[in-house]
Amino acid sequence: MEKPVTLILGLGLQTGEAIARRFCEAGHAVIACDPQPKRVERVADSLRDRAIVQHEELHTRIGLKNCLSTAIEAYGQVDHLICIPPVAPAMPLTELETGEFDKLQLRAVRGAVMTLQIFEKHVAARVEEAGDTMGRRAQMGTVTFIMSLSAKQMNYGDFGDAVVQNAILGVMQAGAVELAPKRIRVNAICALRPRAESVESEWLKRRTPMGRASQPDEIADAALYLSQPASAIITGETLVMDGGRTRLSGLIEVDE
């Protein structure tokens, strides 16, 4: 049985590294790309020879194609995409500068759309080349977007990120419908990220039933599940990993 190949687009603060490590442990060949050189260097040093990690812009068609080409040159194919869009900086509505916001949203949405387009063409080419040998597969490929909780819960001061994340969520949902007949599944994970726990731990505990953020390894396990044939019926869905945060209507106190 051939080794599945997973391409990670964007590393985030900790999540991308955890996902890369988890997929490697599960027997995947892993390629990870990110536009920040320092982040690429750190993750490459951490994973060493377990994954290919490279610097690449992810909001242009050329950059995305370069990522895909690296994977194809190394392993001949890509089976799964994990997309981790950047979280927008604090951008309240009353302070929003529309020109800067337009650039931010355009990059994020265009990158998500082009990612689906490029992956669909790659899968279609593989199917055409392989013919009937791929016909019995429950899935031809998966795409999983790793989103911030702003896609599901609105907070004061997060106007910019909420709008951008919801736009990407719309791309995911519409893309899932368009690509379902081709047996490409598209889903999202919306997670209360670990960064919130380190910066505002007491504030977080009082507003989250489970008293903490999701951990990178937990997000990685969820992403792995959504890539597996065991989840072959799931597409267009959003898995929320927030410790019950979005179910609250007010403040609570959680015992330590």
C-alpha atoms as a PDB file:
ATOM      1  CA  MET A   1       0.000   0.000   0.000  1.00  0.00           C
ATOM      2  CA  GLU A   2       1.428   3.383  -1.030  1.00  0.00           C
ATOM      3  CA  LYS A   3       2.293   5.930   1.627  1.00  0.00           C
ATOM      4  CA  PRO A   4      -0.207   8.818   1.797  1.00  0.00           C
ATOM      5  CA  VAL A   5       1.250  12.248   1.098  1.00  0.00           C
ATOM      6  CA  THR A   6       0.157  15.302   3.088  1.00  0.00           C
ATOM      7  CA  LEU A   7       0.965  18.893   2.158  1.00  0.00           C
ATOM      8  CA  ILE A   8       0.657  21.482   4.934  1.00  0.00           C
ATOM      9  CA  LEU A   9       0.167  25.071   3.790  1.00  0.00           C
ATOM     10  CA  GLY A  10       0.996  27.398   6.669  1.00  0.00           C
ATOM     11  CA  LEU A  11       2.505  26.440  10.010  1.00  0.00           C
ATOM     12  CA  GLY A  12       0.767  28.786  12.441  1.00  0.00           C
ATOM     13  CA  LEU A  13       2.426  29.349  15.813  1.00  0.00           C
ATOM     14  CA  GLN A  14       2.500  25.721  17.002  1.00  0.00           C
ATOM     15  CA  THR A  15      -0.290  23.881  15.230  1.00  0.00           C
ATOM     16  CA  GLY A  16       1.410  23.197  11.898  1.00  0.00           C
ATOM     17  CA  GLU A  17       4.413  21.590  13.554  1.00  0.00           C
ATOM     18  CA  ALA A  18       2.158  19.377  15.689  1.00  0.00           C
ATOM     19  CA  ILE A  19       0.162  18.327  12.622  1.00  0.00           C
ATOM     20  CA  ALA A  20       3.330  17.554  10.662  1.00  0.00           C
ATOM     21  CA  ARG A  21       4.663  15.426  13.496  1.00  0.00           C
ATOM     22  CA  ARG A  22       1.375  13.578  13.987  1.00  0.00           C
ATOM     23  CA  PHE A  23       0.990  12.769  10.282  1.00  0.00           C
ATOM     24  CA  CYS A  24       4.596  11.547  10.141  1.00  0.00           C
ATOM     25  CA  GLU A  25       3.887   9.253  13.086  1.00  0.00           C
ATOM     26  CA  ALA A  26       0.838   7.931  11.218  1.00  0.00           C
ATOM     27  CA  GLY A  27       3.017   6.936   8.257  1.00  0.00           C
ATOM     28  CA  HIS A  28       2.409   9.910   5.949  1.00  0.00           C
ATOM     29  CA  ALA A  29       5.026  11.602   3.826  1.00  0.00           C
ATOM     30  CA  VAL A  30       4.813  15.267   4.873  1.00  0.00           C
ATOM     31  CA  ILE A  31       5.696  18.530   3.151  1.00  0.00           C
ATOM     32  CA  ALA A  32       5.132  21.825   4.985  1.00  0.00           C
ATOM     33  CA  CYS A  33       5.345  25.346   3.531  1.00  0.00           C
ATOM     34  CA  ASP A  34       5.161  28.742   5.199  1.00  0.00           C
ATOM     35  CA  PRO A  35       5.913  32.335   4.133  1.00  0.00           C
ATOM     36  CA  GLN A  36       7.932  33.160   7.272  1.00  0.00           C
ATOM     37  CA  PRO A  37      11.595  32.055   6.963  1.00  0.00           C
ATOM     38  CA  LYS A  38      12.233  31.974  10.718  1.00  0.00           C
ATOM     39  CA  ARG A  39       9.239  29.737  11.298  1.00  0.00           C
ATOM     40  CA  VAL A  40      10.355  27.430   8.479  1.00  0.00           C
ATOM     41  CA  GLU A  41      13.841  27.210   9.976  1.00  0.00           C
ATOM     42  CA  ARG A  42      12.513  26.431  13.458  1.00  0.00           C
ATOM     43  CA  VAL A  43      10.159  23.682  12.290  1.00  0.00           C
ATOM     44  CA  ALA A  44      12.755  22.212   9.928  1.00  0.00           C
ATOM     45  CA  ASP A  45      15.220  21.962  12.826  1.00  0.00           C
ATOM     46  CA  SER A  46      12.558  20.373  15.027  1.00  0.00           C
ATOM     47  CA  LEU A  47      11.406  17.766  12.501  1.00  0.00           C
ATOM     48  CA  ARG A  48      14.854  17.274  10.955  1.00  0.00           C
ATOM     49  CA  ASP A  49      14.618  14.610   8.224  1.00  0.00           C
ATOM     50  CA  ARG A  50      11.059  13.523   9.047  1.00  0.00           C
ATOM     51  CA  ALA A  51       9.437  16.085   6.737  1.00  0.00           C
ATOM     52  CA  ILE A  52      10.266  18.501   3.938  1.00  0.00           C
ATOM     53  CA  VAL A  53       9.872  22.086   5.178  1.00  0.00           C
ATOM     54  CA  GLN A  54      10.309  25.051   2.851  1.00  0.00           C
ATOM     55  CA  HIS A  55       9.726  28.788   2.582  1.00  0.00           C
ATOM     56  CA  GLU A  56       6.999  29.752   0.119  1.00  0.00           C
ATOM     57  CA  GLU A  57       4.351  32.442  -0.339  1.00  0.00           C
ATOM     58  CA  LEU A  58       0.865  30.951  -0.026  1.00  0.00           C
ATOM     59  CA  HIS A  59      -1.414  33.669  -1.414  1.00  0.00           C
ATOM     60  CA  THR A  60      -0.201  33.437  -5.033  1.00  0.00           C
ATOM     61  CA  ARG A  61      -0.837  30.756  -7.616  1.00  0.00           C
ATOM     62  CA  ILE A  62       2.891  30.446  -8.306  1.00  0.00           C
ATOM     63  CA  GLY A  63       3.687  29.912  -4.631  1.00  0.00           C
ATOM     64  CA  LEU A  64       0.975  27.301  -4.187  1.00  0.00           C
ATOM     65  CA  LYS A  65       2.043  25.490  -7.343  1.00  0.00           C
ATOM     66  CA  ASN A  66       5.628  25.477  -6.092  1.00  0.00           C
ATOM     67  CA  CYS A  67       4.484  23.756  -2.900  1.00  0.00           C
ATOM     68  CA  LEU A  68       2.566  21.155  -4.879  1.00  0.00           C
ATOM     69  CA  SER A  69       5.488  20.650  -7.260  1.00  0.00           C
ATOM     70  CA  THR A  70       7.846  20.006  -4.338  1.00  0.00           C
ATOM     71  CA  ALA A  71       5.543  17.277  -3.063  1.00  0.00           C
ATOM     72  CA  ILE A  72       5.102  15.720  -6.500  1.00  0.00           C
ATOM     73  CA  GLU A  73       8.843  15.747  -7.200  1.00  0.00           C
ATOM     74  CA  ALA A  74       9.510  14.064  -3.860  1.00  0.00           C
ATOM     75  CA  TYR A  75       6.608  11.594  -3.711  1.00  0.00           C
ATOM     76  CA  GLY A  76       4.747  11.700  -7.025  1.00  0.00           C
ATOM     77  CA  GLN A  77       1.409  12.838  -5.609  1.00  0.00           C
ATOM     78  CA  VAL A  78      -0.519  14.690  -2.911  1.00  0.00           C
ATOM     79  CA  ASP A  79      -3.410  13.024  -1.100  1.00  0.00           C
ATOM     80  CA  HIS A  80      -4.217  15.504   1.647  1.00  0.00           C
ATOM     81  CA  LEU A  81      -3.976  19.250   2.142  1.00  0.00           C
ATOM     82  CA  ILE A  82      -3.922  20.949   5.534  1.00  0.00           C
ATOM     83  CA  CYS A  83      -4.399  24.711   5.201  1.00  0.00           C
ATOM     84  CA  ILE A  84      -3.631  27.008   8.148  1.00  0.00           C
ATOM     85  CA  PRO A  85      -4.514  30.581   7.143  1.00  0.00           C
ATOM     86  CA  PRO A  86      -2.850  33.333   9.199  1.00  0.00           C
ATOM     87  CA  VAL A  87      -4.882  34.916  11.999  1.00  0.00           C
ATOM     88  CA  ALA A  88      -5.565  38.581  11.309  1.00  0.00           C
ATOM     89  CA  PRO A  89      -4.217  41.157  13.788  1.00  0.00           C
ATOM     90  CA  ALA A  90      -6.609  42.953  16.137  1.00  0.00           C
ATOM     91  CA  MET A  91      -8.765  45.112  13.905  1.00  0.00           C
ATOM     92  CA  PRO A  92     -11.875  46.621  15.544  1.00  0.00           C
ATOM     93  CA  LEU A  93     -14.556  47.938  13.204  1.00  0.00           C
ATOM     94  CA  THR A  94     -14.178  51.520  14.440  1.00  0.00           C
ATOM     95  CA  GLU A  95     -10.429  51.492  13.757  1.00  0.00           C
ATOM     96  CA  LEU A  96     -10.430  49.464  10.561  1.00  0.00           C
ATOM     97  CA  GLU A  97      -8.494  50.898   7.646  1.00  0.00           C
ATOM     98  CA  THR A  98     -10.386  49.624   4.615  1.00  0.00           C
ATOM     99  CA  GLY A  99      -7.438  49.542   2.228  1.00  0.00           C
ATOM    100  CA  GLU A 100      -5.377  47.340   4.529  1.00  0.00           C
ATOM    101  CA  PHE A 101      -8.384  45.177   5.294  1.00  0.00           C
ATOM    102  CA  ASP A 102      -9.115  44.704   1.588  1.00  0.00           C
ATOM    103  CA  LYS A 103      -5.587  43.380   1.051  1.00  0.00           C
ATOM    104  CA  LEU A 104      -5.875  41.039   4.028  1.00  0.00           C
ATOM    105  CA  GLN A 105      -9.205  39.590   2.975  1.00  0.00           C
ATOM    106  CA  LEU A 106      -8.248  39.289  -0.680  1.00  0.00           C
ATOM    107  CA  ARG A 107      -5.082  37.365   0.170  1.00  0.00           C
ATOM    108  CA  ALA A 108      -6.879  34.982   2.507  1.00  0.00           C
ATOM    109  CA  VAL A 109      -9.887  34.242   0.293  1.00  0.00           C
ATOM    110  CA  ARG A 110      -7.909  34.103  -2.937  1.00  0.00           C
ATOM    111  CA  GLY A 111      -5.399  31.728  -1.326  1.00  0.00           C
ATOM    112  CA  ALA A 112      -8.198  29.413  -0.152  1.00  0.00           C
ATOM    113  CA  VAL A 113      -9.909  29.405  -3.553  1.00  0.00           C
ATOM    114  CA  MET A 114      -6.688  28.816  -5.494  1.00  0.00           C
ATOM    115  CA  THR A 115      -5.725  26.012  -3.112  1.00  0.00           C
ATOM    116  CA  LEU A 116      -8.936  24.136  -3.931  1.00  0.00           C
ATOM    117  CA  GLN A 117      -8.562  24.797  -7.664  1.00  0.00           C
ATOM    118  CA  ILE A 118      -4.970  23.591  -7.834  1.00  0.00           C
ATOM    119  CA  PHE A 119      -5.670  20.501  -5.737  1.00  0.00           C
ATOM    120  CA  GLU A 120      -8.719  19.584  -7.837  1.00  0.00           C
ATOM    121  CA  LYS A 121      -6.641  19.738 -11.008  1.00  0.00           C
ATOM    122  CA  HIS A 122      -3.951  17.558  -9.432  1.00  0.00           C
ATOM    123  CA  VAL A 123      -6.485  14.939  -8.332  1.00  0.00           C
ATOM    124  CA  ALA A 124      -8.195  14.995 -11.743  1.00  0.00           C
ATOM    125  CA  ALA A 125      -4.840  14.432 -13.473  1.00  0.00           C
ATOM    126  CA  ARG A 126      -4.069  11.497 -11.155  1.00  0.00           C
ATOM    127  CA  VAL A 127      -7.462   9.912 -11.830  1.00  0.00           C
ATOM    128  CA  GLU A 128      -7.069  10.329 -15.588  1.00  0.00           C
ATOM    129  CA  GLU A 129      -3.601   8.817 -15.499  1.00  0.00           C
ATOM    130  CA  ALA A 130      -4.522   5.911 -13.226  1.00  0.00           C
ATOM    131  CA  GLY A 131      -7.853   5.119 -14.875  1.00  0.00           C
ATOM    132  CA  ASP A 132      -9.915   2.400 -13.199  1.00  0.00           C
ATOM    133  CA  THR A 133      -7.250   1.626 -10.588  1.00  0.00           C
ATOM    134  CA  MET A 134      -8.459   4.592  -8.485  1.00  0.00           C
ATOM    135  CA  GLY A 135     -12.146   3.989  -9.085  1.00  0.00           C
ATOM    136  CA  ARG A 136     -12.767   1.935  -5.947  1.00  0.00           C
ATOM    137  CA  ARG A 137     -11.447   4.533  -3.512  1.00  0.00           C
ATOM    138  CA  ALA A 138     -13.863   6.005  -0.994  1.00  0.00           C
ATOM    139  CA  GLN A 139     -12.032   9.312  -1.360  1.00  0.00           C
ATOM    140  CA  MET A 140      -9.629  10.832  -3.861  1.00  0.00           C
ATOM    141  CA  GLY A 141      -8.309  13.518  -1.552  1.00  0.00           C
ATOM    142  CA  THR A 142      -9.063  15.730   1.432  1.00  0.00           C
ATOM    143  CA  VAL A 143      -8.613  19.384   2.312  1.00  0.00           C
ATOM    144  CA  THR A 144      -8.826  20.558   5.921  1.00  0.00           C
ATOM    145  CA  PHE A 145      -8.734  24.223   6.897  1.00  0.00           C
ATOM    146  CA  ILE A 146      -7.487  25.005  10.419  1.00  0.00           C
ATOM    147  CA  MET A 147      -9.379  28.118  11.484  1.00  0.00           C
ATOM    148  CA  SER A 148      -9.458  30.405  14.485  1.00  0.00           C
ATOM    149  CA  LEU A 149     -12.508  30.455  16.734  1.00  0.00           C
ATOM    150  CA  SER A 150     -13.431  33.834  15.246  1.00  0.00           C
ATOM    151  CA  ALA A 151     -15.095  31.871  12.456  1.00  0.00           C
ATOM    152  CA  LYS A 152     -17.718  30.706  14.961  1.00  0.00           C
ATOM    153  CA  GLN A 153     -17.736  33.230  17.801  1.00  0.00           C
ATOM    154  CA  MET A 154     -17.647  37.008  17.507  1.00  0.00           C
ATOM    155  CA  ASN A 155     -15.632  39.007  20.054  1.00  0.00           C
ATOM    156  CA  TYR A 156     -15.241  42.761  20.435  1.00  0.00           C
ATOM    157  CA  GLY A 157     -12.096  43.930  18.696  1.00  0.00           C
ATOM    158  CA  ASP A 158     -11.820  40.879  16.406  1.00  0.00           C
ATOM    159  CA  PHE A 159     -13.894  42.328  13.569  1.00  0.00           C
ATOM    160  CA  GLY A 160     -11.174  41.889  10.941  1.00  0.00           C
ATOM    161  CA  ASP A 161     -10.319  38.301  11.815  1.00  0.00           C
ATOM    162  CA  ALA A 162     -13.988  37.315  12.176  1.00  0.00           C
ATOM    163  CA  VAL A 163     -14.843  38.588   8.685  1.00  0.00           C
ATOM    164  CA  VAL A 164     -11.779  36.972   7.093  1.00  0.00           C
ATOM    165  CA  GLN A 165     -12.234  33.640   8.868  1.00  0.00           C
ATOM    166  CA  ASN A 166     -15.917  33.517   7.919  1.00  0.00           C
ATOM    167  CA  ALA A 167     -15.032  34.241   4.308  1.00  0.00           C
ATOM    168  CA  ILE A 168     -12.642  31.293   4.276  1.00  0.00           C
ATOM    169  CA  LEU A 169     -15.329  29.165   5.935  1.00  0.00           C
ATOM    170  CA  GLY A 170     -17.627  30.076   3.046  1.00  0.00           C
ATOM    171  CA  VAL A 171     -14.977  28.926   0.574  1.00  0.00           C
ATOM    172  CA  MET A 172     -14.714  25.631   2.482  1.00  0.00           C
ATOM    173  CA  GLN A 173     -18.468  25.008   2.468  1.00  0.00           C
ATOM    174  CA  ALA A 174     -19.017  25.941  -1.164  1.00  0.00           C
ATOM    175  CA  GLY A 175     -15.906  24.014  -2.188  1.00  0.00           C
ATOM    176  CA  ALA A 176     -17.122  20.909  -0.374  1.00  0.00           C
ATOM    177  CA  VAL A 177     -20.325  20.924  -2.445  1.00  0.00           C
ATOM    178  CA  GLU A 178     -18.493  21.506  -5.727  1.00  0.00           C
ATOM    179  CA  LEU A 179     -15.856  18.841  -5.123  1.00  0.00           C
ATOM    180  CA  ALA A 180     -18.006  16.151  -3.493  1.00  0.00           C
ATOM    181  CA  PRO A 181     -18.886  14.463  -6.840  1.00  0.00           C
ATOM    182  CA  LYS A 182     -15.139  14.126  -7.428  1.00  0.00           C
ATOM    183  CA  ARG A 183     -14.723  12.471  -4.013  1.00  0.00           C
ATOM    184  CA  ILE A 184     -12.609  15.290  -2.660  1.00  0.00           C
ATOM    185  CA  ARG A 185     -13.684  16.147   0.874  1.00  0.00           C
ATOM    186  CA  VAL A 186     -13.309  19.646   2.302  1.00  0.00           C
ATOM    187  CA  ASN A 187     -13.734  20.359   6.021  1.00  0.00           C
ATOM    188  CA  ALA A 188     -12.584  22.793   8.701  1.00  0.00           C
ATOM    189  CA  ILE A 189     -11.452  22.731  12.308  1.00  0.00           C
ATOM    190  CA  CYS A 190     -12.223  25.868  14.318  1.00  0.00           C
ATOM    191  CA  ALA A 191     -10.107  25.846  17.440  1.00  0.00           C
ATOM    192  CA  LEU A 192      -9.608  28.014  20.471  1.00  0.00           C
ATOM    193  CA  ARG A 193      -5.862  28.263  19.961  1.00  0.00           C
ATOM    194  CA  PRO A 194      -3.186  27.683  22.638  1.00  0.00           C
ATOM    195  CA  ARG A 195      -1.933  31.277  22.328  1.00  0.00           C
ATOM    196  CA  ALA A 196      -5.046  32.510  24.150  1.00  0.00           C
ATOM    197  CA  GLU A 197      -4.273  30.285  27.133  1.00  0.00           C
ATOM    198  CA  SER A 198      -0.768  31.655  27.589  1.00  0.00           C
ATOM    199  CA  VAL A 199      -1.753  35.308  27.206  1.00  0.00           C
ATOM    200  CA  GLU A 200      -5.069  35.463  29.071  1.00  0.00           C
ATOM    201  CA  SER A 201      -5.302  32.261  31.101  1.00  0.00           C
ATOM    202  CA  GLU A 202      -7.527  33.536  33.915  1.00  0.00           C
ATOM    203  CA  TRP A 203      -9.814  35.331  31.502  1.00  0.00           C
ATOM    204  CA  LEU A 204     -10.006  32.155  29.403  1.00  0.00           C
ATOM    205  CA  LYS A 205     -10.789  29.868  32.350  1.00  0.00           C
ATOM    206  CA  ARG A 206     -13.756  32.000  33.383  1.00  0.00           C
ATOM    207  CA  ARG A 207     -15.231  31.883  29.874  1.00  0.00           C
ATOM    208  CA  THR A 208     -14.558  28.275  28.850  1.00  0.00           C
ATOM    209  CA  PRO A 209     -16.395  25.337  30.466  1.00  0.00           C
ATOM    210  CA  MET A 210     -13.336  23.087  30.167  1.00  0.00           C
ATOM    211  CA  GLY A 211     -11.091  25.883  31.413  1.00  0.00           C
ATOM    212  CA  ARG A 212      -8.468  25.787  28.684  1.00  0.00           C
ATOM    213  CA  ALA A 213      -7.688  26.140  25.006  1.00  0.00           C
ATOM    214  CA  SER A 214      -7.271  23.253  22.606  1.00  0.00           C
ATOM    215  CA  GLN A 215      -3.739  21.878  22.445  1.00  0.00           C
ATOM    216  CA  PRO A 216      -1.765  21.554  19.188  1.00  0.00           C
ATOM    217  CA  ASP A 217      -1.661  17.750  19.485  1.00  0.00           C
ATOM    218  CA  GLU A 218      -5.448  17.639  19.886  1.00  0.00           C
ATOM    219  CA  ILE A 219      -5.912  19.688  16.733  1.00  0.00           C
ATOM    220  CA  ALA A 220      -3.416  17.412  14.958  1.00  0.00           C
ATOM    221  CA  ASP A 221      -5.362  14.287  15.969  1.00  0.00           C
ATOM    222  CA  ALA A 222      -8.593  15.819  14.686  1.00  0.00           C
ATOM    223  CA  ALA A 223      -6.951  16.760  11.388  1.00  0.00           C
ATOM    224  CA  LEU A 224      -5.624  13.223  11.007  1.00  0.00           C
ATOM    225  CA  TYR A 225      -9.104  11.775  11.545  1.00  0.00           C
ATOM    226  CA  LEU A 226     -10.605  14.059   8.893  1.00  0.00           C
ATOM    227  CA  SER A 227      -8.019  12.789   6.390  1.00  0.00           C
ATOM    228  CA  GLN A 228      -8.803   9.113   6.943  1.00  0.00           C
ATOM    229  CA  PRO A 229     -11.237   6.864   5.024  1.00  0.00           C
ATOM    230  CA  ALA A 230     -13.044   6.334   8.361  1.00  0.00           C
ATOM    231  CA  SER A 231     -14.438   9.866   7.926  1.00  0.00           C
ATOM    232  CA  ALA A 232     -15.257   9.398   4.226  1.00  0.00           C
ATOM    233  CA  ILE A 233     -18.877  10.582   4.610  1.00  0.00           C
ATOM    234  CA  ILE A 234     -17.886  13.859   6.289  1.00  0.00           C
ATOM    235  CA  THR A 235     -17.562  16.921   4.058  1.00  0.00           C
ATOM    236  CA  GLY A 236     -18.498  20.582   4.325  1.00  0.00           C
ATOM    237  CA  GLU A 237     -18.431  20.338   8.117  1.00  0.00           C
ATOM    238  CA  THR A 238     -16.747  22.399  10.813  1.00  0.00           C
ATOM    239  CA  LEU A 239     -15.363  20.661  13.883  1.00  0.00           C
ATOM    240  CA  VAL A 240     -15.329  23.161  16.753  1.00  0.00           C
ATOM    241  CA  MET A 241     -12.659  22.571  19.385  1.00  0.00           C
ATOM    242  CA  ASP A 242     -13.301  25.231  22.003  1.00  0.00           C
ATOM    243  CA  GLY A 243     -13.927  23.431  25.301  1.00  0.00           C
ATOM    244  CA  GLY A 244     -17.597  24.464  25.132  1.00  0.00           C
ATOM    245  CA  ARG A 245     -16.810  28.164  24.757  1.00  0.00           C
ATOM    246  CA  THR A 246     -19.324  28.903  21.984  1.00  0.00           C
ATOM    247  CA  ARG A 247     -22.144  27.314  24.044  1.00  0.00           C
ATOM    248  CA  LEU A 248     -21.907  29.933  26.776  1.00  0.00           C
ATOM    249  CA  SER A 249     -24.208  32.918  27.032  1.00  0.00           C
ATOM    250  CA  GLY A 250     -22.333  34.507  29.949  1.00  0.00           C
ATOM    251  CA  LEU A 251     -19.435  34.111  32.355  1.00  0.00           C
ATOM    252  CA  ILE A 252     -18.803  31.017  34.438  1.00  0.00           C
ATOM    253  CA  GLU A 253     -16.212  30.072  36.998  1.00  0.00           C
ATOM    254  CA  VAL A 254     -14.297  26.844  36.402  1.00  0.00           C
ATOM    255  CA  ASP A 255     -12.532  25.063  39.268  1.00  0.00           C
ATOM    256  CA  GLU A 256      -8.820  24.584  38.715  1.00  0.00           C
END
